[in-house]
């Protein structure tokens, strides 16, 4: 099989490519140049491209760079900026997966005549009865099915996830055995287009006007402080908010960007029975109205049981609010059945 591997310059995609070569596939590596500005972290820096190129050379495959900077700016960066401007908490990595890594990249691979694309994500694609299903990776501590939960059957049929069958420790071990230059490279944790020197506020302030905001106690309505940028305040935020005067930590329970107000409460005030959503994507078959599903609201969060409805989920037990703009992933056991965006 001809396989185009998306090589980010990290250890997981490096080992994914190496495993496919060992399995006898005709493998080519490609790194997506996504961000045209400064980057000191994530998967878009110059050093990451060089690491991918060097690993490709080590394992004896060709390597190319695809320039998707215009698409990335339009589909990911603008989305990120507009979301903050509207009081939402976006996940740019998921939007990058949705629009670039598993759309534009797959389209390019098909045009070039490849049979499959592959990445280094820790998840698995299992096929039965002609249907490709995304399931959790073998290493549950590193499972990345949440950030791939928007993928649909047509994309999954074209996808290989070689490291999803092994643990992260084994990935590192294989990289060391093969003396790959990425063997000890740390995992990427940050948004690739936001540098440590400018931060989120520095990046956004160059693209939109940031406004100061007032903080209020949600239970009494009393003013409780102020923030420099209301657009950066997130539901569930704890950092920098102090206490409610009785020693209890306080959290953001809601944000009103147009009014430039955020309301604070205790952790218990974040617990809800229902979370509304929009932009539902179904992986391979319909989700039944009234079906009991597992819901995950963050990349490394635990799932909770909830009843699925057309535009919301109702939990069996109170669940912590998910910030509007974040992704909800829906599971049947370990199989991803769809995703949506929290309201």
C-alpha atoms as a PDB file:
ATOM      1  CA  UNK A   1       0.000   0.000   0.000  1.00  0.00           C
ATOM      2  CA  UNK A   2       1.114   3.557  -0.697  1.00  0.00           C
ATOM      3  CA  UNK A   3       0.868   5.514   2.568  1.00  0.00           C
ATOM      4  CA  UNK A   4       1.426   9.229   3.105  1.00  0.00           C
ATOM      5  CA  UNK A   5       2.430   9.844   6.720  1.00  0.00           C
ATOM      6  CA  UNK A   6       1.801  13.219   8.332  1.00  0.00           C
ATOM      7  CA  UNK A   7       5.109  13.772  10.137  1.00  0.00           C
ATOM      8  CA  UNK A   8       4.900  16.553  12.707  1.00  0.00           C
ATOM      9  CA  UNK A   9       8.489  16.209  13.879  1.00  0.00           C
ATOM     10  CA  UNK A  10       7.425  14.423  17.066  1.00  0.00           C
ATOM     11  CA  UNK A  11       8.232  10.934  18.286  1.00  0.00           C
ATOM     12  CA  UNK A  12       4.759   9.470  17.639  1.00  0.00           C
ATOM     13  CA  UNK A  13       4.589  10.302  13.926  1.00  0.00           C
ATOM     14  CA  UNK A  14       8.247   9.311  13.543  1.00  0.00           C
ATOM     15  CA  UNK A  15       7.544   5.840  14.925  1.00  0.00           C
ATOM     16  CA  UNK A  16       4.306   5.599  12.935  1.00  0.00           C
ATOM     17  CA  UNK A  17       6.285   6.079   9.734  1.00  0.00           C
ATOM     18  CA  UNK A  18       8.976   3.623  10.843  1.00  0.00           C
ATOM     19  CA  UNK A  19       6.424   0.922  11.705  1.00  0.00           C
ATOM     20  CA  UNK A  20       4.735   1.258   8.323  1.00  0.00           C
ATOM     21  CA  UNK A  21       8.096   0.876   6.573  1.00  0.00           C
ATOM     22  CA  UNK A  22       8.764  -2.283   8.617  1.00  0.00           C
ATOM     23  CA  UNK A  23       5.351  -3.619   7.593  1.00  0.00           C
ATOM     24  CA  UNK A  24       6.356  -3.346   3.939  1.00  0.00           C
ATOM     25  CA  UNK A  25       4.270  -0.375   2.848  1.00  0.00           C
ATOM     26  CA  UNK A  26       5.461   2.169   0.310  1.00  0.00           C
ATOM     27  CA  UNK A  27       5.811   5.118   2.654  1.00  0.00           C
ATOM     28  CA  UNK A  28       6.336   8.827   2.039  1.00  0.00           C
ATOM     29  CA  UNK A  29       6.521  11.441   4.786  1.00  0.00           C
ATOM     30  CA  UNK A  30       4.982  14.906   4.574  1.00  0.00           C
ATOM     31  CA  UNK A  31       5.052  17.784   7.030  1.00  0.00           C
ATOM     32  CA  UNK A  32       2.352  20.416   6.877  1.00  0.00           C
ATOM     33  CA  UNK A  33       3.598  23.984   7.088  1.00  0.00           C
ATOM     34  CA  UNK A  34       0.607  25.560   8.764  1.00  0.00           C
ATOM     35  CA  UNK A  35       1.649  28.696  10.571  1.00  0.00           C
ATOM     36  CA  UNK A  36       3.603  31.388   8.782  1.00  0.00           C
ATOM     37  CA  UNK A  37       4.390  33.472  11.864  1.00  0.00           C
ATOM     38  CA  UNK A  38       6.587  33.028  14.912  1.00  0.00           C
ATOM     39  CA  UNK A  39       6.367  29.707  16.744  1.00  0.00           C
ATOM     40  CA  UNK A  40       8.392  28.271  19.577  1.00  0.00           C
ATOM     41  CA  UNK A  41       6.182  25.338  20.480  1.00  0.00           C
ATOM     42  CA  UNK A  42       3.553  22.988  19.118  1.00  0.00           C
ATOM     43  CA  UNK A  43       4.077  21.359  15.733  1.00  0.00           C
ATOM     44  CA  UNK A  44       4.823  24.230  13.376  1.00  0.00           C
ATOM     45  CA  UNK A  45       8.335  25.393  14.225  1.00  0.00           C
ATOM     46  CA  UNK A  46      11.287  25.266  11.833  1.00  0.00           C
ATOM     47  CA  UNK A  47      13.015  22.738  14.107  1.00  0.00           C
ATOM     48  CA  UNK A  48       9.995  20.411  13.918  1.00  0.00           C
ATOM     49  CA  UNK A  49      10.162  20.387  10.106  1.00  0.00           C
ATOM     50  CA  UNK A  50      13.870  19.629  10.271  1.00  0.00           C
ATOM     51  CA  UNK A  51      13.306  16.815  12.795  1.00  0.00           C
ATOM     52  CA  UNK A  52      10.726  15.241  10.486  1.00  0.00           C
ATOM     53  CA  UNK A  53      13.070  15.537   7.499  1.00  0.00           C
ATOM     54  CA  UNK A  54      15.955  13.955   9.387  1.00  0.00           C
ATOM     55  CA  UNK A  55      13.822  11.056  10.667  1.00  0.00           C
ATOM     56  CA  UNK A  56      12.556  10.412   7.134  1.00  0.00           C
ATOM     57  CA  UNK A  57      16.153  10.214   5.975  1.00  0.00           C
ATOM     58  CA  UNK A  58      17.010   7.831   8.841  1.00  0.00           C
ATOM     59  CA  UNK A  59      14.265   5.369   7.899  1.00  0.00           C
ATOM     60  CA  UNK A  60      14.870   5.726   4.161  1.00  0.00           C
ATOM     61  CA  UNK A  61      11.746   7.465   2.885  1.00  0.00           C
ATOM     62  CA  UNK A  62      11.133  10.605   0.863  1.00  0.00           C
ATOM     63  CA  UNK A  63       9.914  13.673   2.728  1.00  0.00           C
ATOM     64  CA  UNK A  64       7.987  16.692   1.491  1.00  0.00           C
ATOM     65  CA  UNK A  65       6.592  19.886   2.984  1.00  0.00           C
ATOM     66  CA  UNK A  66       3.037  20.951   2.112  1.00  0.00           C
ATOM     67  CA  UNK A  67       2.314  24.649   2.517  1.00  0.00           C
ATOM     68  CA  UNK A  68      -1.182  25.050   3.962  1.00  0.00           C
ATOM     69  CA  UNK A  69      -0.623  28.413   5.644  1.00  0.00           C
ATOM     70  CA  UNK A  70      -3.497  30.192   3.873  1.00  0.00           C
ATOM     71  CA  UNK A  71      -5.975  27.458   4.780  1.00  0.00           C
ATOM     72  CA  UNK A  72      -4.697  27.403   8.368  1.00  0.00           C
ATOM     73  CA  UNK A  73      -5.108  31.166   8.722  1.00  0.00           C
ATOM     74  CA  UNK A  74      -8.658  31.026   7.356  1.00  0.00           C
ATOM     75  CA  UNK A  75      -9.962  27.893   9.076  1.00  0.00           C
ATOM     76  CA  UNK A  76      -8.059  27.828  12.377  1.00  0.00           C
ATOM     77  CA  UNK A  77      -6.538  31.174  13.317  1.00  0.00           C
ATOM     78  CA  UNK A  78      -9.516  33.329  12.321  1.00  0.00           C
ATOM     79  CA  UNK A  79     -11.839  30.857  14.012  1.00  0.00           C
ATOM     80  CA  UNK A  80      -9.764  31.082  17.194  1.00  0.00           C
ATOM     81  CA  UNK A  81      -9.784  34.885  17.185  1.00  0.00           C
ATOM     82  CA  UNK A  82     -13.492  35.183  16.381  1.00  0.00           C
ATOM     83  CA  UNK A  83     -14.366  32.674  19.088  1.00  0.00           C
ATOM     84  CA  UNK A  84     -12.603  34.697  21.777  1.00  0.00           C
ATOM     85  CA  UNK A  85     -14.194  37.873  20.465  1.00  0.00           C
ATOM     86  CA  UNK A  86     -17.590  36.254  21.003  1.00  0.00           C
ATOM     87  CA  UNK A  87     -16.883  34.904  24.485  1.00  0.00           C
ATOM     88  CA  UNK A  88     -16.236  31.306  23.428  1.00  0.00           C
ATOM     89  CA  UNK A  89     -13.375  28.984  24.351  1.00  0.00           C
ATOM     90  CA  UNK A  90     -12.113  27.401  21.116  1.00  0.00           C
ATOM     91  CA  UNK A  91      -9.964  24.320  20.644  1.00  0.00           C
ATOM     92  CA  UNK A  92      -7.715  25.223  17.685  1.00  0.00           C
ATOM     93  CA  UNK A  93      -6.100  21.777  17.536  1.00  0.00           C
ATOM     94  CA  UNK A  94      -9.469  20.144  16.921  1.00  0.00           C
ATOM     95  CA  UNK A  95     -10.292  22.681  14.211  1.00  0.00           C
ATOM     96  CA  UNK A  96      -6.905  22.010  12.630  1.00  0.00           C
ATOM     97  CA  UNK A  97      -7.705  18.292  12.625  1.00  0.00           C
ATOM     98  CA  UNK A  98     -11.152  18.974  11.185  1.00  0.00           C
ATOM     99  CA  UNK A  99     -10.113  21.277   8.344  1.00  0.00           C
ATOM    100  CA  UNK A 100      -6.424  20.618   7.617  1.00  0.00           C
ATOM    101  CA  UNK A 101      -4.991  17.324   8.841  1.00  0.00           C
ATOM    102  CA  UNK A 102      -7.970  15.180   7.939  1.00  0.00           C
ATOM    103  CA  UNK A 103      -9.493  17.162   5.104  1.00  0.00           C
ATOM    104  CA  UNK A 104      -7.000  19.172   3.062  1.00  0.00           C
ATOM    105  CA  UNK A 105      -4.199  16.668   3.761  1.00  0.00           C
ATOM    106  CA  UNK A 106      -6.342  13.693   2.758  1.00  0.00           C
ATOM    107  CA  UNK A 107      -7.455  15.479  -0.407  1.00  0.00           C
ATOM    108  CA  UNK A 108      -3.804  16.117  -1.319  1.00  0.00           C
ATOM    109  CA  UNK A 109      -2.934  12.468  -0.649  1.00  0.00           C
ATOM    110  CA  UNK A 110      -5.740  11.242  -2.893  1.00  0.00           C
ATOM    111  CA  UNK A 111      -4.648  13.606  -5.658  1.00  0.00           C
ATOM    112  CA  UNK A 112      -1.124  12.187  -5.411  1.00  0.00           C
ATOM    113  CA  UNK A 113      -2.370   8.607  -5.653  1.00  0.00           C
ATOM    114  CA  UNK A 114      -1.878   7.362  -2.090  1.00  0.00           C
ATOM    115  CA  UNK A 115      -4.027   4.536  -0.743  1.00  0.00           C
ATOM    116  CA  UNK A 116      -3.962   5.738   2.870  1.00  0.00           C
ATOM    117  CA  UNK A 117      -2.773   8.525   5.106  1.00  0.00           C
ATOM    118  CA  UNK A 118      -1.316   7.883   8.554  1.00  0.00           C
ATOM    119  CA  UNK A 119      -0.643   9.967  11.655  1.00  0.00           C
ATOM    120  CA  UNK A 120       0.919   9.409  15.059  1.00  0.00           C
ATOM    121  CA  UNK A 121      -2.284   9.795  17.062  1.00  0.00           C
ATOM    122  CA  UNK A 122      -2.940   7.399  19.921  1.00  0.00           C
ATOM    123  CA  UNK A 123      -6.273   6.005  18.749  1.00  0.00           C
ATOM    124  CA  UNK A 124      -7.353   3.079  16.597  1.00  0.00           C
ATOM    125  CA  UNK A 125      -9.433   2.556  13.470  1.00  0.00           C
ATOM    126  CA  UNK A 126     -11.286  -0.748  13.517  1.00  0.00           C
ATOM    127  CA  UNK A 127     -13.192  -1.949  10.470  1.00  0.00           C
ATOM    128  CA  UNK A 128     -16.101  -4.383  10.534  1.00  0.00           C
ATOM    129  CA  UNK A 129     -18.957  -5.032   8.114  1.00  0.00           C
ATOM    130  CA  UNK A 130     -17.527  -2.399   5.790  1.00  0.00           C
ATOM    131  CA  UNK A 131     -17.646   0.341   8.411  1.00  0.00           C
ATOM    132  CA  UNK A 132     -14.572   2.080   9.833  1.00  0.00           C
ATOM    133  CA  UNK A 133     -14.927   3.051  13.502  1.00  0.00           C
ATOM    134  CA  UNK A 134     -12.655   5.195  15.652  1.00  0.00           C
ATOM    135  CA  UNK A 135     -11.870   3.677  19.046  1.00  0.00           C
ATOM    136  CA  UNK A 136      -9.690   4.601  21.987  1.00  0.00           C
ATOM    137  CA  UNK A 137      -5.982   3.846  21.794  1.00  0.00           C
ATOM    138  CA  UNK A 138      -4.378   0.960  23.640  1.00  0.00           C
ATOM    139  CA  UNK A 139      -2.660   3.371  26.028  1.00  0.00           C
ATOM    140  CA  UNK A 140      -5.685   4.934  27.715  1.00  0.00           C
ATOM    141  CA  UNK A 141      -3.496   7.465  29.535  1.00  0.00           C
ATOM    142  CA  UNK A 142      -2.432   8.862  26.136  1.00  0.00           C
ATOM    143  CA  UNK A 143      -5.682   8.264  24.236  1.00  0.00           C
ATOM    144  CA  UNK A 144      -6.348  10.962  21.608  1.00  0.00           C
ATOM    145  CA  UNK A 145      -9.669   9.787  20.223  1.00  0.00           C
ATOM    146  CA  UNK A 146     -11.287  12.924  21.690  1.00  0.00           C
ATOM    147  CA  UNK A 147      -9.379  15.256  19.347  1.00  0.00           C
ATOM    148  CA  UNK A 148     -10.322  13.029  16.387  1.00  0.00           C
ATOM    149  CA  UNK A 149     -13.969  12.677  17.362  1.00  0.00           C
ATOM    150  CA  UNK A 150     -15.165  14.859  14.462  1.00  0.00           C
ATOM    151  CA  UNK A 151     -13.919  12.350  11.869  1.00  0.00           C
ATOM    152  CA  UNK A 152     -16.511  10.551   9.765  1.00  0.00           C
ATOM    153  CA  UNK A 153     -16.540   7.121   8.170  1.00  0.00           C
ATOM    154  CA  UNK A 154     -15.267   8.341   4.787  1.00  0.00           C
ATOM    155  CA  UNK A 155     -12.185   9.852   6.428  1.00  0.00           C
ATOM    156  CA  UNK A 156     -11.645   6.914   8.786  1.00  0.00           C
ATOM    157  CA  UNK A 157     -11.628   4.455   5.867  1.00  0.00           C
ATOM    158  CA  UNK A 158      -8.617   6.294   4.488  1.00  0.00           C
ATOM    159  CA  UNK A 159      -6.744   6.520   7.810  1.00  0.00           C
ATOM    160  CA  UNK A 160      -4.058   4.394   9.487  1.00  0.00           C
ATOM    161  CA  UNK A 161      -3.015   4.966  13.114  1.00  0.00           C
ATOM    162  CA  UNK A 162      -0.019   2.678  13.702  1.00  0.00           C
ATOM    163  CA  UNK A 163       0.921   3.774  17.239  1.00  0.00           C
ATOM    164  CA  UNK A 164      -2.633   3.463  18.523  1.00  0.00           C
ATOM    165  CA  UNK A 165      -2.007  -0.222  19.066  1.00  0.00           C
ATOM    166  CA  UNK A 166       0.937   0.288  21.425  1.00  0.00           C
ATOM    167  CA  UNK A 167       1.737   2.267  24.555  1.00  0.00           C
ATOM    168  CA  UNK A 168       3.585   5.566  24.656  1.00  0.00           C
ATOM    169  CA  UNK A 169       6.431   3.884  26.553  1.00  0.00           C
ATOM    170  CA  UNK A 170       6.754   1.371  23.724  1.00  0.00           C
ATOM    171  CA  UNK A 171       6.759   4.211  21.170  1.00  0.00           C
ATOM    172  CA  UNK A 172       9.735   5.784  22.961  1.00  0.00           C
ATOM    173  CA  UNK A 173      11.425   2.403  23.225  1.00  0.00           C
ATOM    174  CA  UNK A 174      11.095   1.773  19.487  1.00  0.00           C
ATOM    175  CA  UNK A 175      12.465   5.260  18.753  1.00  0.00           C
ATOM    176  CA  UNK A 176      15.480   4.601  20.973  1.00  0.00           C
ATOM    177  CA  UNK A 177      16.076   1.187  19.400  1.00  0.00           C
ATOM    178  CA  UNK A 178      16.120   2.831  15.974  1.00  0.00           C
ATOM    179  CA  UNK A 179      18.183   5.805  17.230  1.00  0.00           C
ATOM    180  CA  UNK A 180      15.579   8.236  15.905  1.00  0.00           C
ATOM    181  CA  UNK A 181      16.459  11.846  16.707  1.00  0.00           C
ATOM    182  CA  UNK A 182      12.967  12.380  18.154  1.00  0.00           C
ATOM    183  CA  UNK A 183      13.246   9.550  20.712  1.00  0.00           C
ATOM    184  CA  UNK A 184      13.541  11.880  23.709  1.00  0.00           C
ATOM    185  CA  UNK A 185      11.677  14.857  22.277  1.00  0.00           C
ATOM    186  CA  UNK A 186       8.930  16.145  24.616  1.00  0.00           C
ATOM    187  CA  UNK A 187       5.319  16.007  23.488  1.00  0.00           C
ATOM    188  CA  UNK A 188       3.838  19.227  22.085  1.00  0.00           C
ATOM    189  CA  UNK A 189       1.471  20.847  24.558  1.00  0.00           C
ATOM    190  CA  UNK A 190       0.832  24.384  23.370  1.00  0.00           C
ATOM    191  CA  UNK A 191      -1.034  26.177  20.612  1.00  0.00           C
ATOM    192  CA  UNK A 192       1.485  26.376  17.785  1.00  0.00           C
ATOM    193  CA  UNK A 193       0.755  29.967  16.752  1.00  0.00           C
ATOM    194  CA  UNK A 194       1.024  31.461  20.245  1.00  0.00           C
ATOM    195  CA  UNK A 195       4.562  32.000  21.475  1.00  0.00           C
ATOM    196  CA  UNK A 196       5.639  31.901  25.100  1.00  0.00           C
ATOM    197  CA  UNK A 197       6.870  35.487  24.831  1.00  0.00           C
ATOM    198  CA  UNK A 198       3.585  37.019  23.632  1.00  0.00           C
ATOM    199  CA  UNK A 199       1.039  34.679  25.165  1.00  0.00           C
ATOM    200  CA  UNK A 200      -2.629  34.481  24.287  1.00  0.00           C
ATOM    201  CA  UNK A 201      -3.355  38.100  25.203  1.00  0.00           C
ATOM    202  CA  UNK A 202      -0.428  39.400  23.163  1.00  0.00           C
ATOM    203  CA  UNK A 203      -1.495  37.387  20.127  1.00  0.00           C
ATOM    204  CA  UNK A 204      -5.155  38.395  20.304  1.00  0.00           C
ATOM    205  CA  UNK A 205      -4.471  42.066  21.043  1.00  0.00           C
ATOM    206  CA  UNK A 206      -2.812  42.398  17.624  1.00  0.00           C
ATOM    207  CA  UNK A 207      -5.959  41.120  15.898  1.00  0.00           C
ATOM    208  CA  UNK A 208      -8.880  42.356  17.959  1.00  0.00           C
ATOM    209  CA  UNK A 209      -9.505  45.017  20.567  1.00  0.00           C
ATOM    210  CA  UNK A 210      -9.481  43.582  24.087  1.00  0.00           C
ATOM    211  CA  UNK A 211     -11.724  45.175  26.709  1.00  0.00           C
ATOM    212  CA  UNK A 212     -11.544  45.341  30.482  1.00  0.00           C
ATOM    213  CA  UNK A 213     -14.403  43.656  32.340  1.00  0.00           C
ATOM    214  CA  UNK A 214     -16.128  43.563  35.695  1.00  0.00           C
ATOM    215  CA  UNK A 215     -16.455  40.515  37.946  1.00  0.00           C
ATOM    216  CA  UNK A 216     -19.605  39.865  39.979  1.00  0.00           C
ATOM    217  CA  UNK A 217     -20.650  37.366  42.625  1.00  0.00           C
ATOM    218  CA  UNK A 218     -23.328  35.301  40.858  1.00  0.00           C
ATOM    219  CA  UNK A 219     -25.257  34.663  44.080  1.00  0.00           C
ATOM    220  CA  UNK A 220     -25.408  38.229  45.432  1.00  0.00           C
ATOM    221  CA  UNK A 221     -24.782  40.397  42.374  1.00  0.00           C
ATOM    222  CA  UNK A 222     -22.057  42.250  44.270  1.00  0.00           C
ATOM    223  CA  UNK A 223     -19.030  43.484  42.345  1.00  0.00           C
ATOM    224  CA  UNK A 224     -16.067  41.196  43.031  1.00  0.00           C
ATOM    225  CA  UNK A 225     -13.232  42.670  40.997  1.00  0.00           C
ATOM    226  CA  UNK A 226     -12.102  43.337  37.456  1.00  0.00           C
ATOM    227  CA  UNK A 227     -10.132  41.765  34.614  1.00  0.00           C
ATOM    228  CA  UNK A 228      -7.982  43.377  31.952  1.00  0.00           C
ATOM    229  CA  UNK A 229      -9.492  41.396  29.053  1.00  0.00           C
ATOM    230  CA  UNK A 230     -13.017  40.021  29.254  1.00  0.00           C
ATOM    231  CA  UNK A 231     -12.406  38.169  25.952  1.00  0.00           C
ATOM    232  CA  UNK A 232      -9.859  35.943  27.709  1.00  0.00           C
ATOM    233  CA  UNK A 233     -12.134  34.862  30.558  1.00  0.00           C
ATOM    234  CA  UNK A 234     -13.287  31.224  30.357  1.00  0.00           C
ATOM    235  CA  UNK A 235     -16.131  29.384  32.054  1.00  0.00           C
ATOM    236  CA  UNK A 236     -14.560  27.183  34.720  1.00  0.00           C
ATOM    237  CA  UNK A 237     -11.541  29.469  35.144  1.00  0.00           C
ATOM    238  CA  UNK A 238     -10.054  29.540  38.617  1.00  0.00           C
ATOM    239  CA  UNK A 239      -6.662  31.194  38.257  1.00  0.00           C
ATOM    240  CA  UNK A 240      -6.318  34.753  39.499  1.00  0.00           C
ATOM    241  CA  UNK A 241      -9.817  35.074  40.947  1.00  0.00           C
ATOM    242  CA  UNK A 242      -9.127  34.848  44.684  1.00  0.00           C
ATOM    243  CA  UNK A 243     -11.906  33.723  47.053  1.00  0.00           C
ATOM    244  CA  UNK A 244     -15.482  34.693  47.763  1.00  0.00           C
ATOM    245  CA  UNK A 245     -14.581  36.103  51.166  1.00  0.00           C
ATOM    246  CA  UNK A 246     -15.246  32.910  53.115  1.00  0.00           C
ATOM    247  CA  UNK A 247     -12.076  31.133  52.009  1.00  0.00           C
ATOM    248  CA  UNK A 248     -13.855  29.181  49.260  1.00  0.00           C
ATOM    249  CA  UNK A 249     -12.228  29.256  45.843  1.00  0.00           C
ATOM    250  CA  UNK A 250     -14.256  30.982  43.171  1.00  0.00           C
ATOM    251  CA  UNK A 251     -14.720  30.079  39.545  1.00  0.00           C
ATOM    252  CA  UNK A 252     -16.140  31.739  36.457  1.00  0.00           C
ATOM    253  CA  UNK A 253     -19.654  30.351  35.982  1.00  0.00           C
ATOM    254  CA  UNK A 254     -20.723  32.547  33.052  1.00  0.00           C
ATOM    255  CA  UNK A 255     -19.374  35.291  30.783  1.00  0.00           C
ATOM    256  CA  UNK A 256     -21.218  38.099  29.008  1.00  0.00           C
ATOM    257  CA  UNK A 257     -18.703  39.635  26.598  1.00  0.00           C
ATOM    258  CA  UNK A 258     -21.015  42.316  25.102  1.00  0.00           C
ATOM    259  CA  UNK A 259     -21.826  43.546  28.630  1.00  0.00           C
ATOM    260  CA  UNK A 260     -18.161  43.069  29.642  1.00  0.00           C
ATOM    261  CA  UNK A 261     -19.152  41.088  32.716  1.00  0.00           C
ATOM    262  CA  UNK A 262     -18.183  37.731  34.191  1.00  0.00           C
ATOM    263  CA  UNK A 263     -19.985  36.032  37.072  1.00  0.00           C
ATOM    264  CA  UNK A 264     -18.236  34.056  39.778  1.00  0.00           C
ATOM    265  CA  UNK A 265     -19.356  31.229  42.016  1.00  0.00           C
ATOM    266  CA  UNK A 266     -18.206  28.220  43.962  1.00  0.00           C
ATOM    267  CA  UNK A 267     -17.236  24.951  42.364  1.00  0.00           C
ATOM    268  CA  UNK A 268     -20.714  23.608  43.101  1.00  0.00           C
ATOM    269  CA  UNK A 269     -22.164  26.400  40.946  1.00  0.00           C
ATOM    270  CA  UNK A 270     -20.428  24.876  37.927  1.00  0.00           C
ATOM    271  CA  UNK A 271     -22.386  21.651  38.202  1.00  0.00           C
ATOM    272  CA  UNK A 272     -25.239  21.215  35.704  1.00  0.00           C
ATOM    273  CA  UNK A 273     -27.590  18.450  34.602  1.00  0.00           C
ATOM    274  CA  UNK A 274     -27.776  19.418  30.930  1.00  0.00           C
ATOM    275  CA  UNK A 275     -25.312  20.725  28.334  1.00  0.00           C
ATOM    276  CA  UNK A 276     -26.662  22.077  25.063  1.00  0.00           C
ATOM    277  CA  UNK A 277     -24.664  21.703  21.858  1.00  0.00           C
ATOM    278  CA  UNK A 278     -24.633  22.546  18.161  1.00  0.00           C
ATOM    279  CA  UNK A 279     -22.739  21.417  15.014  1.00  0.00           C
ATOM    280  CA  UNK A 280     -23.305  17.712  15.613  1.00  0.00           C
ATOM    281  CA  UNK A 281     -21.077  15.403  13.540  1.00  0.00           C
ATOM    282  CA  UNK A 282     -21.931  11.699  13.441  1.00  0.00           C
ATOM    283  CA  UNK A 283     -19.049   9.289  12.909  1.00  0.00           C
ATOM    284  CA  UNK A 284     -20.659   6.376  11.105  1.00  0.00           C
ATOM    285  CA  UNK A 285     -24.324   5.871  12.010  1.00  0.00           C
ATOM    286  CA  UNK A 286     -27.110   7.904  13.630  1.00  0.00           C
ATOM    287  CA  UNK A 287     -27.210   8.421  17.377  1.00  0.00           C
ATOM    288  CA  UNK A 288     -30.689   7.593  18.601  1.00  0.00           C
ATOM    289  CA  UNK A 289     -32.767  10.198  20.406  1.00  0.00           C
ATOM    290  CA  UNK A 290     -32.893   9.107  24.042  1.00  0.00           C
ATOM    291  CA  UNK A 291     -29.843   6.829  23.728  1.00  0.00           C
ATOM    292  CA  UNK A 292     -27.567   6.492  26.743  1.00  0.00           C
ATOM    293  CA  UNK A 293     -24.029   7.532  25.714  1.00  0.00           C
ATOM    294  CA  UNK A 294     -20.705   8.370  27.304  1.00  0.00           C
ATOM    295  CA  UNK A 295     -19.705  12.040  27.007  1.00  0.00           C
ATOM    296  CA  UNK A 296     -16.183  13.464  27.217  1.00  0.00           C
ATOM    297  CA  UNK A 297     -15.717  17.226  27.445  1.00  0.00           C
ATOM    298  CA  UNK A 298     -11.940  17.661  27.432  1.00  0.00           C
ATOM    299  CA  UNK A 299      -8.891  16.015  25.898  1.00  0.00           C
ATOM    300  CA  UNK A 300      -7.935  14.093  29.026  1.00  0.00           C
ATOM    301  CA  UNK A 301     -11.204  14.212  30.924  1.00  0.00           C
ATOM    302  CA  UNK A 302     -13.258  11.298  32.153  1.00  0.00           C
ATOM    303  CA  UNK A 303     -16.490  10.324  30.454  1.00  0.00           C
ATOM    304  CA  UNK A 304     -19.896  10.669  32.064  1.00  0.00           C
ATOM    305  CA  UNK A 305     -23.112   8.846  31.220  1.00  0.00           C
ATOM    306  CA  UNK A 306     -25.833  10.963  29.667  1.00  0.00           C
ATOM    307  CA  UNK A 307     -29.009  10.665  27.619  1.00  0.00           C
ATOM    308  CA  UNK A 308     -28.553  11.999  24.091  1.00  0.00           C
ATOM    309  CA  UNK A 309     -31.070  14.388  22.556  1.00  0.00           C
ATOM    310  CA  UNK A 310     -31.110  16.328  19.290  1.00  0.00           C
ATOM    311  CA  UNK A 311     -29.493  19.447  20.760  1.00  0.00           C
ATOM    312  CA  UNK A 312     -28.336  18.512  24.269  1.00  0.00           C
ATOM    313  CA  UNK A 313     -27.243  15.763  26.615  1.00  0.00           C
ATOM    314  CA  UNK A 314     -28.793  15.176  30.037  1.00  0.00           C
ATOM    315  CA  UNK A 315     -26.465  13.600  32.583  1.00  0.00           C
ATOM    316  CA  UNK A 316     -27.326  10.865  35.036  1.00  0.00           C
ATOM    317  CA  UNK A 317     -25.440  12.821  37.700  1.00  0.00           C
ATOM    318  CA  UNK A 318     -24.521  16.538  37.891  1.00  0.00           C
ATOM    319  CA  UNK A 319     -21.642  17.329  35.536  1.00  0.00           C
ATOM    320  CA  UNK A 320     -19.189  20.209  35.537  1.00  0.00           C
ATOM    321  CA  UNK A 321     -19.989  22.845  32.916  1.00  0.00           C
ATOM    322  CA  UNK A 322     -18.072  22.628  29.661  1.00  0.00           C
ATOM    323  CA  UNK A 323     -16.972  26.038  28.413  1.00  0.00           C
ATOM    324  CA  UNK A 324     -19.002  27.158  25.375  1.00  0.00           C
ATOM    325  CA  UNK A 325     -16.965  26.517  22.236  1.00  0.00           C
ATOM    326  CA  UNK A 326     -15.355  23.330  23.527  1.00  0.00           C
ATOM    327  CA  UNK A 327     -15.940  19.932  21.929  1.00  0.00           C
ATOM    328  CA  UNK A 328     -18.138  17.197  23.349  1.00  0.00           C
ATOM    329  CA  UNK A 329     -17.181  13.706  22.174  1.00  0.00           C
ATOM    330  CA  UNK A 330     -19.789  10.934  22.301  1.00  0.00           C
ATOM    331  CA  UNK A 331     -18.895   7.267  22.842  1.00  0.00           C
ATOM    332  CA  UNK A 332     -20.516   3.851  22.927  1.00  0.00           C
ATOM    333  CA  UNK A 333     -18.091   2.109  25.253  1.00  0.00           C
ATOM    334  CA  UNK A 334     -14.692   2.855  23.616  1.00  0.00           C
ATOM    335  CA  UNK A 335     -16.087   3.632  20.150  1.00  0.00           C
ATOM    336  CA  UNK A 336     -16.479   7.255  19.067  1.00  0.00           C
ATOM    337  CA  UNK A 337     -19.932   7.823  17.604  1.00  0.00           C
ATOM    338  CA  UNK A 338     -19.858  11.596  17.117  1.00  0.00           C
ATOM    339  CA  UNK A 339     -19.015  15.027  18.431  1.00  0.00           C
ATOM    340  CA  UNK A 340     -20.535  18.464  18.841  1.00  0.00           C
ATOM    341  CA  UNK A 341     -19.689  21.951  20.134  1.00  0.00           C
ATOM    342  CA  UNK A 342     -20.917  22.975  23.593  1.00  0.00           C
ATOM    343  CA  UNK A 343     -23.175  26.031  23.765  1.00  0.00           C
END
